[in-house]
Amino acid sequence: GSVTHVDVSNALKTLGFEIDKRKIEFPENIKALGDYNVKIKLAEGIGATVKLKVSKAS
């Protein structure tokens, strides 16, 4: 499978951030382990980039 916008939104929610899945942008489909930069639209003209680390589930 691949990492979805819902997966990222749910992961951020566990950290205390309520981010709508439609506000999350991937640079590419995430289908492999590794580090990715994910953009989040916070408001018109305002955004943030977070580092997403994809690893095997424990």
N, C-alpha and C. Protein backbone atom coordinates (compact mmCIF):
# COMPACT_ATOMS: atom_id res chain seq x y z
N GLY A 1 0.82 -1.18 0.00
CA GLY A 1 0.00 0.00 0.00
C GLY A 1 0.86 1.24 0.00
N SER A 2 0.20 2.34 0.12
CA SER A 2 0.90 3.61 0.16
C SER A 2 0.36 4.46 1.31
N VAL A 3 1.11 5.49 1.65
CA VAL A 3 0.69 6.42 2.69
C VAL A 3 -0.31 7.39 2.07
N THR A 4 -1.44 7.59 2.75
CA THR A 4 -2.48 8.47 2.23
C THR A 4 -2.54 9.77 3.02
N HIS A 5 -3.29 10.72 2.48
CA HIS A 5 -3.50 11.98 3.18
C HIS A 5 -4.20 11.75 4.52
N VAL A 6 -5.09 10.76 4.56
CA VAL A 6 -5.79 10.43 5.81
C VAL A 6 -4.79 9.89 6.83
N ASP A 7 -3.84 9.07 6.40
CA ASP A 7 -2.81 8.54 7.31
C ASP A 7 -2.03 9.68 7.96
N VAL A 8 -1.62 10.65 7.14
CA VAL A 8 -0.84 11.78 7.65
C VAL A 8 -1.70 12.62 8.59
N SER A 9 -2.95 12.88 8.21
CA SER A 9 -3.85 13.65 9.06
C SER A 9 -4.04 12.97 10.41
N ASN A 10 -4.24 11.66 10.41
CA ASN A 10 -4.42 10.92 11.66
C ASN A 10 -3.15 10.92 12.51
N ALA A 11 -1.98 10.81 11.88
CA ALA A 11 -0.72 10.86 12.62
C ALA A 11 -0.53 12.22 13.28
N LEU A 12 -0.86 13.28 12.55
CA LEU A 12 -0.75 14.63 13.12
C LEU A 12 -1.74 14.82 14.26
N LYS A 13 -2.91 14.20 14.15
CA LYS A 13 -3.93 14.31 15.21
C LYS A 13 -3.42 13.70 16.51
N THR A 14 -2.66 12.59 16.43
CA THR A 14 -2.12 11.97 17.64
C THR A 14 -1.09 12.88 18.32
N LEU A 15 -0.54 13.83 17.54
CA LEU A 15 0.42 14.78 18.09
C LEU A 15 -0.24 16.08 18.53
N GLY A 16 -1.58 16.14 18.40
CA GLY A 16 -2.30 17.32 18.86
C GLY A 16 -2.61 18.34 17.79
N PHE A 17 -2.44 17.99 16.51
CA PHE A 17 -2.69 18.92 15.41
C PHE A 17 -3.89 18.44 14.59
N GLU A 18 -4.91 19.29 14.48
CA GLU A 18 -6.09 18.97 13.67
C GLU A 18 -5.87 19.56 12.28
N ILE A 19 -5.47 18.74 11.33
CA ILE A 19 -5.22 19.18 9.96
C ILE A 19 -6.13 18.40 9.02
N ASP A 20 -6.95 19.11 8.26
CA ASP A 20 -7.83 18.48 7.28
C ASP A 20 -6.99 17.80 6.21
N LYS A 21 -7.39 16.61 5.81
CA LYS A 21 -6.62 15.85 4.82
C LYS A 21 -6.49 16.60 3.50
N ARG A 22 -7.44 17.49 3.18
CA ARG A 22 -7.38 18.25 1.93
C ARG A 22 -6.33 19.35 1.97
N LYS A 23 -5.79 19.65 3.14
CA LYS A 23 -4.77 20.69 3.29
C LYS A 23 -3.35 20.13 3.19
N ILE A 24 -3.23 18.81 3.01
CA ILE A 24 -1.94 18.14 2.99
C ILE A 24 -1.55 17.84 1.55
N GLU A 25 -0.31 18.21 1.18
CA GLU A 25 0.18 17.98 -0.18
C GLU A 25 1.44 17.13 -0.13
N PHE A 26 1.47 16.09 -0.96
CA PHE A 26 2.66 15.25 -1.10
C PHE A 26 3.41 15.66 -2.36
N PRO A 27 4.74 15.57 -2.34
CA PRO A 27 5.49 15.84 -3.57
C PRO A 27 5.35 14.71 -4.58
N GLU A 28 4.99 13.53 -4.11
CA GLU A 28 4.89 12.34 -4.95
C GLU A 28 4.08 11.30 -4.18
N ASN A 29 3.69 10.22 -4.84
CA ASN A 29 3.06 9.12 -4.12
C ASN A 29 4.07 8.51 -3.17
N ILE A 30 3.66 8.24 -1.95
CA ILE A 30 4.57 7.70 -0.94
C ILE A 30 4.30 6.20 -0.82
N LYS A 31 5.18 5.42 -1.43
CA LYS A 31 5.02 3.97 -1.44
C LYS A 31 6.23 3.22 -0.90
N ALA A 32 7.24 3.97 -0.43
CA ALA A 32 8.46 3.34 0.05
C ALA A 32 8.85 3.94 1.40
N LEU A 33 9.64 3.20 2.15
CA LEU A 33 10.17 3.69 3.42
C LEU A 33 11.12 4.85 3.14
N GLY A 34 11.21 5.78 4.07
CA GLY A 34 12.14 6.89 3.92
C GLY A 34 11.57 8.18 4.48
N ASP A 35 12.30 9.27 4.20
CA ASP A 35 11.91 10.60 4.67
C ASP A 35 11.31 11.40 3.51
N TYR A 36 10.24 12.12 3.80
CA TYR A 36 9.55 12.91 2.78
C TYR A 36 9.20 14.27 3.36
N ASN A 37 9.22 15.30 2.52
CA ASN A 37 8.74 16.62 2.92
C ASN A 37 7.28 16.72 2.49
N VAL A 38 6.41 17.06 3.44
CA VAL A 38 4.98 17.16 3.19
C VAL A 38 4.57 18.60 3.47
N LYS A 39 3.86 19.21 2.53
CA LYS A 39 3.40 20.59 2.70
C LYS A 39 1.99 20.60 3.27
N ILE A 40 1.76 21.56 4.18
CA ILE A 40 0.45 21.72 4.79
C ILE A 40 0.00 23.16 4.59
N LYS A 41 -1.19 23.33 4.02
CA LYS A 41 -1.76 24.67 3.83
C LYS A 41 -2.48 25.05 5.12
N LEU A 42 -2.04 26.11 5.77
CA LEU A 42 -2.64 26.54 7.03
C LEU A 42 -3.71 27.59 6.81
N ALA A 43 -3.46 28.53 5.90
CA ALA A 43 -4.41 29.58 5.56
C ALA A 43 -3.99 30.10 4.19
N GLU A 44 -4.78 30.98 3.60
CA GLU A 44 -4.45 31.52 2.29
C GLU A 44 -3.07 32.18 2.32
N GLY A 45 -2.15 31.65 1.54
CA GLY A 45 -0.81 32.20 1.47
C GLY A 45 0.11 31.79 2.61
N ILE A 46 -0.37 30.97 3.53
CA ILE A 46 0.44 30.54 4.68
C ILE A 46 0.49 29.03 4.70
N GLY A 47 1.70 28.50 4.81
CA GLY A 47 1.84 27.05 4.84
C GLY A 47 3.03 26.63 5.68
N ALA A 48 3.17 25.35 5.81
CA ALA A 48 4.28 24.78 6.57
C ALA A 48 4.74 23.51 5.86
N THR A 49 5.97 23.17 6.07
CA THR A 49 6.51 21.91 5.56
C THR A 49 6.94 21.08 6.75
N VAL A 50 6.49 19.84 6.79
CA VAL A 50 6.89 18.93 7.86
C VAL A 50 7.61 17.74 7.26
N LYS A 51 8.52 17.18 8.01
CA LYS A 51 9.24 15.99 7.56
C LYS A 51 8.46 14.78 8.02
N LEU A 52 8.17 13.91 7.08
CA LEU A 52 7.44 12.67 7.34
C LEU A 52 8.42 11.51 7.21
N LYS A 53 8.54 10.72 8.27
CA LYS A 53 9.41 9.55 8.23
C LYS A 53 8.53 8.32 8.15
N VAL A 54 8.67 7.57 7.06
CA VAL A 54 7.89 6.35 6.86
C VAL A 54 8.79 5.18 7.22
N SER A 55 8.35 4.39 8.21
CA SER A 55 9.13 3.24 8.66
C SER A 55 8.20 2.05 8.85
N LYS A 56 8.77 0.89 9.06
CA LYS A 56 7.97 -0.31 9.29
C LYS A 56 7.19 -0.18 10.58
N ALA A 57 5.98 -0.70 10.59
CA ALA A 57 5.17 -0.69 11.81
C ALA A 57 5.81 -1.61 12.83
N SER A 58 5.76 -1.19 14.10
CA SER A 58 6.37 -2.02 15.14
C SER A 58 5.39 -2.98 15.75
